[in-house]
Amino acid sequence: MVTWGRSFAIAFKILLVSALWYVLGFIAGLVLITVTGATTLLTALSSLEYLRDVVLNPWNAYTMVLGISTAIIIGAVIAVVGSIATMVKYIVEEAVREAREAKRPAIAG
């Protein structure tokens, strides 16, 4: 049977590794935003001429928003799937360890 101490140790490991996945997803999202749309957005905000082009051609704004939204979604998917995979990994490892210990014959003392 799993002890409370062992359960909390596993939960702490899951918390730490999940935090790393969320940081990785955040960084991936920021990189993708920078690559896809942040430079275009900054150009639009700093230049009235470019802003006029966006107003005259809404497709420019649409592609900018689509690129940024896609980057955010990809970063969130990386974070969530990595976190779920971490939970599954540590929980299954502990279940297998407990099953192996239960199979061993008790040593009479």
N, C-alpha and C. Protein backbone atom coordinates (compact mmCIF):
# COMPACT_ATOMS: atom_id res chain seq x y z
N MET A 1 0.84 -1.18 0.00
CA MET A 1 0.00 0.00 0.00
C MET A 1 0.89 1.25 0.00
N VAL A 2 0.49 2.24 -0.76
CA VAL A 2 1.26 3.47 -0.88
C VAL A 2 1.08 4.30 0.39
N THR A 3 2.19 4.81 0.89
CA THR A 3 2.11 5.65 2.09
C THR A 3 1.81 7.09 1.70
N TRP A 4 1.36 7.86 2.68
CA TRP A 4 1.07 9.28 2.41
C TRP A 4 2.33 10.03 2.01
N GLY A 5 3.44 9.70 2.65
CA GLY A 5 4.69 10.37 2.32
C GLY A 5 5.11 10.11 0.88
N ARG A 6 4.96 8.86 0.45
CA ARG A 6 5.30 8.52 -0.94
C ARG A 6 4.36 9.22 -1.91
N SER A 7 3.07 9.29 -1.57
CA SER A 7 2.10 9.96 -2.42
C SER A 7 2.42 11.44 -2.58
N PHE A 8 2.77 12.09 -1.47
CA PHE A 8 3.11 13.51 -1.55
C PHE A 8 4.42 13.74 -2.29
N ALA A 9 5.36 12.81 -2.19
CA ALA A 9 6.62 12.92 -2.93
C ALA A 9 6.35 12.85 -4.43
N ILE A 10 5.50 11.92 -4.83
CA ILE A 10 5.16 11.79 -6.25
C ILE A 10 4.40 13.03 -6.73
N ALA A 11 3.47 13.52 -5.91
CA ALA A 11 2.72 14.72 -6.27
C ALA A 11 3.65 15.92 -6.44
N PHE A 12 4.67 16.01 -5.59
CA PHE A 12 5.63 17.12 -5.70
C PHE A 12 6.45 17.00 -6.98
N LYS A 13 6.84 15.77 -7.35
CA LYS A 13 7.56 15.56 -8.61
C LYS A 13 6.69 15.97 -9.79
N ILE A 14 5.42 15.56 -9.75
CA ILE A 14 4.50 15.93 -10.83
C ILE A 14 4.37 17.44 -10.92
N LEU A 15 4.27 18.10 -9.79
CA LEU A 15 4.15 19.56 -9.77
C LEU A 15 5.37 20.23 -10.39
N LEU A 16 6.55 19.77 -10.03
CA LEU A 16 7.78 20.37 -10.57
C LEU A 16 7.91 20.17 -12.08
N VAL A 17 7.69 18.94 -12.53
CA VAL A 17 7.85 18.67 -13.95
C VAL A 17 6.74 19.36 -14.76
N SER A 18 5.53 19.42 -14.20
CA SER A 18 4.44 20.13 -14.89
C SER A 18 4.76 21.61 -15.01
N ALA A 19 5.35 22.18 -13.97
CA ALA A 19 5.74 23.59 -14.04
C ALA A 19 6.76 23.81 -15.16
N LEU A 20 7.67 22.87 -15.33
CA LEU A 20 8.64 22.98 -16.42
C LEU A 20 7.93 22.91 -17.77
N TRP A 21 6.92 22.04 -17.90
CA TRP A 21 6.16 21.97 -19.15
C TRP A 21 5.43 23.27 -19.43
N TYR A 22 4.85 23.88 -18.39
CA TYR A 22 4.14 25.14 -18.61
C TYR A 22 5.10 26.26 -19.01
N VAL A 23 6.28 26.29 -18.41
CA VAL A 23 7.28 27.28 -18.81
C VAL A 23 7.71 27.05 -20.25
N LEU A 24 7.93 25.78 -20.62
CA LEU A 24 8.32 25.45 -21.99
C LEU A 24 7.22 25.86 -22.98
N GLY A 25 5.96 25.59 -22.64
CA GLY A 25 4.86 25.98 -23.51
C GLY A 25 4.74 27.49 -23.65
N PHE A 26 4.98 28.21 -22.55
CA PHE A 26 4.94 29.67 -22.57
C PHE A 26 6.04 30.22 -23.47
N ILE A 27 7.25 29.67 -23.34
CA ILE A 27 8.37 30.12 -24.16
C ILE A 27 8.12 29.80 -25.63
N ALA A 28 7.60 28.60 -25.91
CA ALA A 28 7.30 28.25 -27.30
C ALA A 28 6.25 29.20 -27.88
N GLY A 29 5.24 29.53 -27.10
CA GLY A 29 4.22 30.48 -27.56
C GLY A 29 4.81 31.84 -27.85
N LEU A 30 5.69 32.32 -26.96
CA LEU A 30 6.32 33.62 -27.18
C LEU A 30 7.19 33.63 -28.42
N VAL A 31 7.94 32.56 -28.62
CA VAL A 31 8.80 32.48 -29.81
C VAL A 31 7.94 32.48 -31.06
N LEU A 32 6.87 31.69 -31.05
CA LEU A 32 6.00 31.65 -32.23
C LEU A 32 5.30 32.98 -32.47
N ILE A 33 4.90 33.66 -31.40
CA ILE A 33 4.29 34.98 -31.56
C ILE A 33 5.29 35.94 -32.19
N THR A 34 6.52 35.88 -31.71
CA THR A 34 7.56 36.75 -32.25
C THR A 34 7.79 36.46 -33.72
N VAL A 35 7.82 35.19 -34.08
CA VAL A 35 8.07 34.81 -35.46
C VAL A 35 6.88 35.17 -36.36
N THR A 36 5.65 34.95 -35.87
CA THR A 36 4.49 35.10 -36.75
C THR A 36 3.92 36.50 -36.82
N GLY A 37 3.80 37.17 -35.68
CA GLY A 37 3.03 38.39 -35.77
C GLY A 37 3.45 39.58 -34.96
N ALA A 38 4.33 39.41 -34.01
CA ALA A 38 4.65 40.53 -33.14
C ALA A 38 5.34 41.66 -33.91
N THR A 39 6.22 41.33 -34.83
CA THR A 39 6.90 42.39 -35.58
C THR A 39 5.90 43.14 -36.46
N THR A 40 4.96 42.41 -37.03
CA THR A 40 3.92 43.06 -37.84
C THR A 40 3.05 43.95 -36.97
N LEU A 41 2.70 43.46 -35.79
CA LEU A 41 1.87 44.24 -34.88
C LEU A 41 2.59 45.51 -34.43
N LEU A 42 3.86 45.39 -34.09
CA LEU A 42 4.63 46.57 -33.67
C LEU A 42 4.77 47.56 -34.82
N THR A 43 4.95 47.07 -36.01
CA THR A 43 5.02 47.95 -37.18
C THR A 43 3.70 48.68 -37.37
N ALA A 44 2.61 47.95 -37.21
CA ALA A 44 1.29 48.56 -37.38
C ALA A 44 1.04 49.64 -36.34
N LEU A 45 1.47 49.40 -35.12
CA LEU A 45 1.23 50.38 -34.07
C LEU A 45 2.13 51.60 -34.18
N SER A 46 3.30 51.43 -34.78
CA SER A 46 4.25 52.54 -34.85
C SER A 46 4.16 53.35 -36.15
N SER A 47 3.49 52.82 -37.14
CA SER A 47 3.45 53.49 -38.43
C SER A 47 2.01 53.74 -38.86
N LEU A 48 1.67 54.99 -39.04
CA LEU A 48 0.33 55.33 -39.48
C LEU A 48 0.07 54.85 -40.90
N GLU A 49 1.12 54.83 -41.70
CA GLU A 49 0.97 54.38 -43.08
C GLU A 49 0.60 52.89 -43.11
N TYR A 50 1.27 52.11 -42.29
CA TYR A 50 0.96 50.68 -42.25
C TYR A 50 -0.44 50.46 -41.68
N LEU A 51 -0.80 51.26 -40.68
CA LEU A 51 -2.13 51.15 -40.10
C LEU A 51 -3.20 51.46 -41.14
N ARG A 52 -2.94 52.42 -42.01
CA ARG A 52 -3.86 52.74 -43.09
C ARG A 52 -4.00 51.56 -44.04
N ASP A 53 -2.88 50.86 -44.32
CA ASP A 53 -2.93 49.69 -45.18
C ASP A 53 -3.76 48.57 -44.54
N VAL A 54 -3.65 48.43 -43.22
CA VAL A 54 -4.44 47.40 -42.53
C VAL A 54 -5.92 47.73 -42.61
N VAL A 55 -6.25 49.00 -42.49
CA VAL A 55 -7.65 49.40 -42.57
C VAL A 55 -8.19 49.19 -43.99
N LEU A 56 -7.38 49.51 -44.98
CA LEU A 56 -7.81 49.34 -46.36
C LEU A 56 -7.86 47.87 -46.78
N ASN A 57 -7.00 47.06 -46.19
CA ASN A 57 -6.97 45.64 -46.51
C ASN A 57 -7.08 44.84 -45.22
N PRO A 58 -8.29 44.49 -44.78
CA PRO A 58 -8.47 43.79 -43.51
C PRO A 58 -7.81 42.42 -43.46
N TRP A 59 -7.46 41.87 -44.61
CA TRP A 59 -6.80 40.56 -44.62
C TRP A 59 -5.48 40.61 -43.85
N ASN A 60 -4.78 41.75 -43.88
CA ASN A 60 -3.53 41.88 -43.13
C ASN A 60 -3.78 41.70 -41.63
N ALA A 61 -4.81 42.34 -41.13
CA ALA A 61 -5.14 42.21 -39.70
C ALA A 61 -5.58 40.79 -39.37
N TYR A 62 -6.35 40.20 -40.28
CA TYR A 62 -6.82 38.83 -40.05
C TYR A 62 -5.65 37.86 -39.95
N THR A 63 -4.70 37.95 -40.85
CA THR A 63 -3.56 37.03 -40.81
C THR A 63 -2.70 37.26 -39.57
N MET A 64 -2.59 38.51 -39.14
CA MET A 64 -1.83 38.82 -37.93
C MET A 64 -2.49 38.18 -36.71
N VAL A 65 -3.79 38.36 -36.57
CA VAL A 65 -4.52 37.79 -35.43
C VAL A 65 -4.50 36.27 -35.50
N LEU A 66 -4.65 35.71 -36.68
CA LEU A 66 -4.62 34.26 -36.85
C LEU A 66 -3.26 33.70 -36.45
N GLY A 67 -2.20 34.35 -36.85
CA GLY A 67 -0.86 33.88 -36.50
C GLY A 67 -0.60 33.92 -35.01
N ILE A 68 -1.00 35.01 -34.37
CA ILE A 68 -0.80 35.13 -32.92
C ILE A 68 -1.66 34.12 -32.18
N SER A 69 -2.90 33.95 -32.60
CA SER A 69 -3.79 32.98 -31.96
C SER A 69 -3.26 31.56 -32.10
N THR A 70 -2.77 31.23 -33.27
CA THR A 70 -2.20 29.89 -33.49
C THR A 70 -0.99 29.67 -32.60
N ALA A 71 -0.16 30.67 -32.44
CA ALA A 71 1.02 30.55 -31.58
C ALA A 71 0.61 30.31 -30.13
N ILE A 72 -0.40 31.02 -29.66
CA ILE A 72 -0.87 30.84 -28.29
C ILE A 72 -1.44 29.44 -28.10
N ILE A 73 -2.20 28.97 -29.07
CA ILE A 73 -2.80 27.63 -28.97
C ILE A 73 -1.72 26.55 -28.96
N ILE A 74 -0.72 26.69 -29.80
CA ILE A 74 0.37 25.70 -29.84
C ILE A 74 1.11 25.67 -28.51
N GLY A 75 1.41 26.83 -27.94
CA GLY A 75 2.07 26.87 -26.64
C GLY A 75 1.23 26.24 -25.55
N ALA A 76 -0.08 26.49 -25.56
CA ALA A 76 -0.97 25.91 -24.56
C ALA A 76 -1.06 24.40 -24.71
N VAL A 77 -1.10 23.92 -25.95
CA VAL A 77 -1.16 22.47 -26.17
C VAL A 77 0.11 21.80 -25.67
N ILE A 78 1.26 22.39 -25.93
CA ILE A 78 2.52 21.84 -25.43
C ILE A 78 2.49 21.75 -23.91
N ALA A 79 2.03 22.80 -23.25
CA ALA A 79 2.00 22.83 -21.79
C ALA A 79 1.03 21.80 -21.22
N VAL A 80 -0.17 21.74 -21.76
CA VAL A 80 -1.19 20.84 -21.21
C VAL A 80 -0.86 19.37 -21.48
N VAL A 81 -0.48 19.05 -22.70
CA VAL A 81 -0.17 17.66 -23.03
C VAL A 81 1.07 17.19 -22.26
N GLY A 82 2.06 18.04 -22.14
CA GLY A 82 3.25 17.68 -21.35
C GLY A 82 2.92 17.45 -19.89
N SER A 83 2.04 18.27 -19.34
CA SER A 83 1.63 18.11 -17.95
C SER A 83 0.84 16.81 -17.74
N ILE A 84 -0.08 16.51 -18.65
CA ILE A 84 -0.85 15.26 -18.54
C ILE A 84 0.06 14.05 -18.68
N ALA A 85 0.99 14.11 -19.62
CA ALA A 85 1.93 13.00 -19.80
C ALA A 85 2.78 12.78 -18.54
N THR A 86 3.15 13.87 -17.89
CA THR A 86 3.91 13.76 -16.65
C THR A 86 3.11 13.05 -15.57
N MET A 87 1.84 13.43 -15.43
CA MET A 87 1.00 12.78 -14.43
C MET A 87 0.87 11.29 -14.71
N VAL A 88 0.59 10.94 -15.96
CA VAL A 88 0.43 9.53 -16.32
C VAL A 88 1.72 8.76 -16.04
N LYS A 89 2.85 9.33 -16.41
CA LYS A 89 4.13 8.66 -16.23
C LYS A 89 4.40 8.34 -14.77
N TYR A 90 4.30 9.33 -13.90
CA TYR A 90 4.62 9.11 -12.49
C TYR A 90 3.59 8.22 -11.80
N ILE A 91 2.32 8.35 -12.14
CA ILE A 91 1.30 7.52 -11.50
C ILE A 91 1.46 6.06 -11.91
N VAL A 92 1.71 5.81 -13.20
CA VAL A 92 1.89 4.43 -13.67
C VAL A 92 3.16 3.83 -13.09
N GLU A 93 4.24 4.60 -13.03
CA GLU A 93 5.47 4.08 -12.43
C GLU A 93 5.25 3.65 -11.00
N GLU A 94 4.51 4.43 -10.23
CA GLU A 94 4.26 4.08 -8.84
C GLU A 94 3.34 2.87 -8.74
N ALA A 95 2.36 2.76 -9.60
CA ALA A 95 1.46 1.61 -9.58
C ALA A 95 2.23 0.32 -9.90
N VAL A 96 3.12 0.39 -10.88
CA VAL A 96 3.92 -0.79 -11.24
C VAL A 96 4.85 -1.16 -10.09
N ARG A 97 5.44 -0.19 -9.45
CA ARG A 97 6.32 -0.45 -8.31
C ARG A 97 5.55 -1.12 -7.17
N GLU A 98 4.36 -0.65 -6.91
CA GLU A 98 3.54 -1.24 -5.85
C GLU A 98 3.12 -2.66 -6.21
N ALA A 99 2.79 -2.91 -7.48
CA ALA A 99 2.39 -4.24 -7.91
C ALA A 99 3.55 -5.22 -7.78
N ARG A 100 4.75 -4.77 -8.12
CA ARG A 100 5.92 -5.65 -7.97
C ARG A 100 6.20 -5.96 -6.52
N GLU A 101 6.04 -4.98 -5.66
CA GLU A 101 6.27 -5.22 -4.23
C GLU A 101 5.22 -6.15 -3.65
N ALA A 102 4.00 -6.08 -4.14
CA ALA A 102 2.92 -6.94 -3.64
C ALA A 102 3.14 -8.40 -4.07
N LYS A 103 3.82 -8.64 -5.19
CA LYS A 103 4.07 -9.99 -5.68
C LYS A 103 5.15 -10.71 -4.88
N ARG A 104 6.04 -9.97 -4.30
CA ARG A 104 7.15 -10.58 -3.55
C ARG A 104 6.61 -11.27 -2.30
N PRO A 105 7.12 -12.44 -2.02
CA PRO A 105 6.68 -13.10 -0.79
C PRO A 105 7.23 -12.39 0.44
N ALA A 106 6.45 -12.34 1.46
CA ALA A 106 6.90 -11.69 2.70
C ALA A 106 7.96 -12.56 3.36
N ILE A 107 8.95 -11.92 3.94
CA ILE A 107 10.05 -12.63 4.59
C ILE A 107 9.65 -12.86 6.05
N ALA A 108 9.57 -14.10 6.42
CA ALA A 108 9.19 -14.42 7.81
C ALA A 108 10.39 -14.18 8.69
N GLY A 109 10.14 -13.52 9.79
CA GLY A 109 11.29 -13.16 10.61
C GLY A 109 11.30 -13.70 11.92
